[in-house]
Amino acid sequence: MESSTTSKTANVFICKDGHRTVALWSVPEKCAHVRVRIQGPCGLAVLPLTEAPADAKEKMMNPLKASKKAAKKK
């Protein structure tokens, strides 16, 4: 019995609201983040983390800080 030497890395995808999606075997088309069960999944298009815009990365890393900045802009 031979062991498999191929390793699989997890890919991280992010939507514009900063929700992370981790995938091993496939590339997701839409964000599956569910914040409130009644509303259902987010459903926004996802991008690889390396191609995501800076504002989406900031929301992902520190959502409280990002929401404070957005409130100050209004």
N, C-alpha and C. Protein backbone atom coordinates (compact mmCIF):
# COMPACT_ATOMS: atom_id res chain seq x y z
N MET A 1 0.84 -1.18 0.00
CA MET A 1 0.00 0.00 0.00
C MET A 1 0.88 1.25 0.00
N GLU A 2 0.72 2.09 -1.00
CA GLU A 2 1.51 3.30 -1.12
C GLU A 2 0.70 4.49 -0.62
N SER A 3 1.39 5.39 0.05
CA SER A 3 0.70 6.59 0.52
C SER A 3 0.75 7.67 -0.56
N SER A 4 -0.25 8.47 -0.58
CA SER A 4 -0.32 9.55 -1.56
C SER A 4 0.62 10.67 -1.16
N THR A 5 1.45 11.10 -2.08
CA THR A 5 2.41 12.18 -1.77
C THR A 5 1.92 13.53 -2.24
N THR A 6 0.77 13.56 -2.89
CA THR A 6 0.26 14.85 -3.34
C THR A 6 -0.41 15.56 -2.17
N SER A 7 -0.09 16.82 -2.03
CA SER A 7 -0.70 17.59 -0.96
C SER A 7 -1.67 18.61 -1.57
N LYS A 8 -2.70 18.88 -0.86
CA LYS A 8 -3.72 19.82 -1.32
C LYS A 8 -3.69 21.02 -0.40
N THR A 9 -3.72 22.21 -0.96
CA THR A 9 -3.75 23.41 -0.15
C THR A 9 -5.14 24.03 -0.21
N ALA A 10 -5.53 24.61 0.88
CA ALA A 10 -6.84 25.26 0.95
C ALA A 10 -6.75 26.63 0.28
N ASN A 11 -7.75 26.95 -0.51
CA ASN A 11 -7.83 28.26 -1.16
C ASN A 11 -8.84 29.11 -0.42
N VAL A 12 -8.49 30.37 -0.21
CA VAL A 12 -9.36 31.29 0.50
C VAL A 12 -9.95 32.28 -0.50
N PHE A 13 -11.26 32.42 -0.43
CA PHE A 13 -11.98 33.36 -1.29
C PHE A 13 -12.71 34.35 -0.39
N ILE A 14 -12.98 35.53 -0.93
CA ILE A 14 -13.61 36.58 -0.12
C ILE A 14 -14.64 37.32 -0.98
N CYS A 15 -15.78 37.70 -0.36
CA CYS A 15 -16.76 38.51 -1.08
C CYS A 15 -16.53 39.97 -0.72
N LYS A 16 -17.25 40.88 -1.34
CA LYS A 16 -17.01 42.31 -1.11
C LYS A 16 -17.40 42.75 0.29
N ASP A 17 -18.22 41.94 1.00
CA ASP A 17 -18.58 42.26 2.38
C ASP A 17 -17.56 41.74 3.39
N GLY A 18 -16.53 41.03 2.91
CA GLY A 18 -15.47 40.56 3.79
C GLY A 18 -15.69 39.17 4.36
N HIS A 19 -16.65 38.42 3.84
CA HIS A 19 -16.89 37.06 4.32
C HIS A 19 -15.90 36.11 3.66
N ARG A 20 -15.25 35.28 4.48
CA ARG A 20 -14.28 34.32 3.96
C ARG A 20 -14.96 33.01 3.59
N THR A 21 -14.48 32.39 2.52
CA THR A 21 -14.91 31.07 2.10
C THR A 21 -13.66 30.27 1.82
N VAL A 22 -13.51 29.13 2.46
CA VAL A 22 -12.35 28.27 2.27
C VAL A 22 -12.79 27.06 1.45
N ALA A 23 -12.03 26.73 0.42
CA ALA A 23 -12.37 25.60 -0.43
C ALA A 23 -11.13 24.76 -0.69
N LEU A 24 -11.30 23.45 -0.62
CA LEU A 24 -10.20 22.52 -0.90
C LEU A 24 -10.29 21.96 -2.31
N TRP A 25 -11.44 21.51 -2.70
CA TRP A 25 -11.57 20.74 -3.93
C TRP A 25 -12.17 21.53 -5.08
N SER A 26 -12.85 22.61 -4.83
CA SER A 26 -13.53 23.32 -5.91
C SER A 26 -13.38 24.82 -5.74
N VAL A 27 -13.82 25.55 -6.74
CA VAL A 27 -13.83 27.01 -6.69
C VAL A 27 -15.28 27.45 -6.55
N PRO A 28 -15.63 28.06 -5.41
CA PRO A 28 -17.03 28.48 -5.23
C PRO A 28 -17.37 29.67 -6.13
N GLU A 29 -18.63 29.75 -6.53
CA GLU A 29 -19.08 30.85 -7.36
C GLU A 29 -19.68 31.98 -6.52
N LYS A 30 -20.35 31.60 -5.43
CA LYS A 30 -21.02 32.58 -4.58
C LYS A 30 -20.63 32.38 -3.13
N CYS A 31 -20.75 33.45 -2.35
CA CYS A 31 -20.47 33.41 -0.92
C CYS A 31 -21.57 32.63 -0.21
N ALA A 32 -21.19 31.73 0.68
CA ALA A 32 -22.16 30.89 1.39
C ALA A 32 -22.31 31.31 2.84
N HIS A 33 -21.78 32.46 3.21
CA HIS A 33 -21.86 32.92 4.60
C HIS A 33 -23.31 33.19 4.99
N VAL A 34 -23.72 32.62 6.13
CA VAL A 34 -25.09 32.83 6.62
C VAL A 34 -24.99 33.53 7.97
N ARG A 35 -25.41 34.79 8.00
CA ARG A 35 -25.38 35.55 9.25
C ARG A 35 -26.67 35.34 10.02
N VAL A 36 -27.79 35.42 9.34
CA VAL A 36 -29.10 35.18 9.94
C VAL A 36 -29.78 34.10 9.10
N ARG A 37 -30.22 33.06 9.76
CA ARG A 37 -30.77 31.90 9.06
C ARG A 37 -31.97 32.25 8.17
N ILE A 38 -32.79 33.20 8.60
CA ILE A 38 -33.98 33.57 7.84
C ILE A 38 -33.59 34.21 6.50
N GLN A 39 -32.54 35.02 6.49
CA GLN A 39 -32.12 35.72 5.27
C GLN A 39 -31.42 34.80 4.28
N GLY A 40 -30.87 33.71 4.73
CA GLY A 40 -30.18 32.78 3.85
C GLY A 40 -28.73 33.19 3.60
N PRO A 41 -28.09 32.54 2.65
CA PRO A 41 -26.68 32.83 2.39
C PRO A 41 -26.47 34.21 1.76
N CYS A 42 -25.26 34.71 1.88
CA CYS A 42 -24.88 36.03 1.35
C CYS A 42 -25.13 36.09 -0.15
N GLY A 43 -24.58 35.15 -0.91
CA GLY A 43 -24.85 35.05 -2.34
C GLY A 43 -24.05 35.99 -3.25
N LEU A 44 -23.14 36.78 -2.71
CA LEU A 44 -22.32 37.66 -3.54
C LEU A 44 -21.22 36.85 -4.24
N ALA A 45 -20.72 37.36 -5.32
CA ALA A 45 -19.62 36.71 -6.04
C ALA A 45 -18.36 36.75 -5.19
N VAL A 46 -17.55 35.70 -5.28
CA VAL A 46 -16.31 35.64 -4.50
C VAL A 46 -15.10 35.78 -5.42
N LEU A 47 -14.03 36.32 -4.85
CA LEU A 47 -12.76 36.49 -5.53
C LEU A 47 -11.68 35.79 -4.71
N PRO A 48 -10.60 35.34 -5.33
CA PRO A 48 -9.48 34.83 -4.54
C PRO A 48 -8.94 35.95 -3.65
N LEU A 49 -8.45 35.58 -2.49
CA LEU A 49 -7.98 36.57 -1.52
C LEU A 49 -6.88 37.46 -2.10
N THR A 50 -6.05 36.91 -2.97
CA THR A 50 -4.96 37.70 -3.55
C THR A 50 -5.45 38.77 -4.51
N GLU A 51 -6.64 38.58 -5.09
CA GLU A 51 -7.19 39.54 -6.05
C GLU A 51 -8.24 40.47 -5.44
N ALA A 52 -8.52 40.31 -4.16
CA ALA A 52 -9.58 41.09 -3.51
C ALA A 52 -9.15 42.55 -3.32
N PRO A 53 -10.11 43.48 -3.39
CA PRO A 53 -9.78 44.89 -3.15
C PRO A 53 -9.42 45.13 -1.69
N ALA A 54 -8.71 46.21 -1.45
CA ALA A 54 -8.20 46.51 -0.11
C ALA A 54 -9.33 46.71 0.91
N ASP A 55 -10.42 47.35 0.52
CA ASP A 55 -11.50 47.59 1.48
C ASP A 55 -12.16 46.29 1.92
N ALA A 56 -12.26 45.30 1.04
CA ALA A 56 -12.82 44.01 1.43
C ALA A 56 -11.89 43.27 2.39
N LYS A 57 -10.58 43.39 2.15
CA LYS A 57 -9.61 42.76 3.05
C LYS A 57 -9.67 43.40 4.44
N GLU A 58 -9.86 44.72 4.49
CA GLU A 58 -9.94 45.41 5.77
C GLU A 58 -11.18 44.96 6.53
N LYS A 59 -12.30 44.79 5.84
CA LYS A 59 -13.52 44.31 6.48
C LYS A 59 -13.32 42.91 7.04
N MET A 60 -12.58 42.08 6.31
CA MET A 60 -12.35 40.72 6.75
C MET A 60 -11.45 40.69 7.99
N MET A 61 -10.39 41.48 7.99
CA MET A 61 -9.43 41.45 9.08
C MET A 61 -9.96 42.10 10.35
N ASN A 62 -10.68 43.20 10.22
CA ASN A 62 -11.16 43.90 11.40
C ASN A 62 -12.51 44.55 11.08
N PRO A 63 -13.59 43.80 11.19
CA PRO A 63 -14.90 44.34 10.79
C PRO A 63 -15.36 45.52 11.65
N LEU A 64 -15.01 45.57 12.92
CA LEU A 64 -15.43 46.67 13.78
C LEU A 64 -14.76 47.97 13.35
N LYS A 65 -13.48 47.91 13.06
CA LYS A 65 -12.73 49.09 12.62
C LYS A 65 -13.28 49.59 11.28
N ALA A 66 -13.58 48.67 10.38
CA ALA A 66 -14.11 49.04 9.07
C ALA A 66 -15.48 49.70 9.20
N SER A 67 -16.31 49.21 10.10
CA SER A 67 -17.65 49.80 10.26
C SER A 67 -17.55 51.19 10.89
N LYS A 68 -16.58 51.41 11.77
CA LYS A 68 -16.38 52.74 12.36
C LYS A 68 -15.92 53.74 11.30
N LYS A 69 -15.03 53.30 10.40
CA LYS A 69 -14.55 54.18 9.33
C LYS A 69 -15.70 54.54 8.40
N ALA A 70 -16.55 53.57 8.08
CA ALA A 70 -17.68 53.82 7.19
C ALA A 70 -18.68 54.79 7.84
N ALA A 71 -18.85 54.71 9.14
CA ALA A 71 -19.77 55.60 9.83
C ALA A 71 -19.24 57.03 9.84
N LYS A 72 -17.92 57.19 9.94
CA LYS A 72 -17.32 58.53 9.93
C LYS A 72 -17.44 59.20 8.57
N LYS A 73 -17.44 58.41 7.49
CA LYS A 73 -17.53 58.97 6.15
C LYS A 73 -18.90 59.55 5.85
N LYS A 74 -19.94 59.09 6.51
CA LYS A 74 -21.31 59.54 6.24
C LYS A 74 -21.58 60.93 6.72
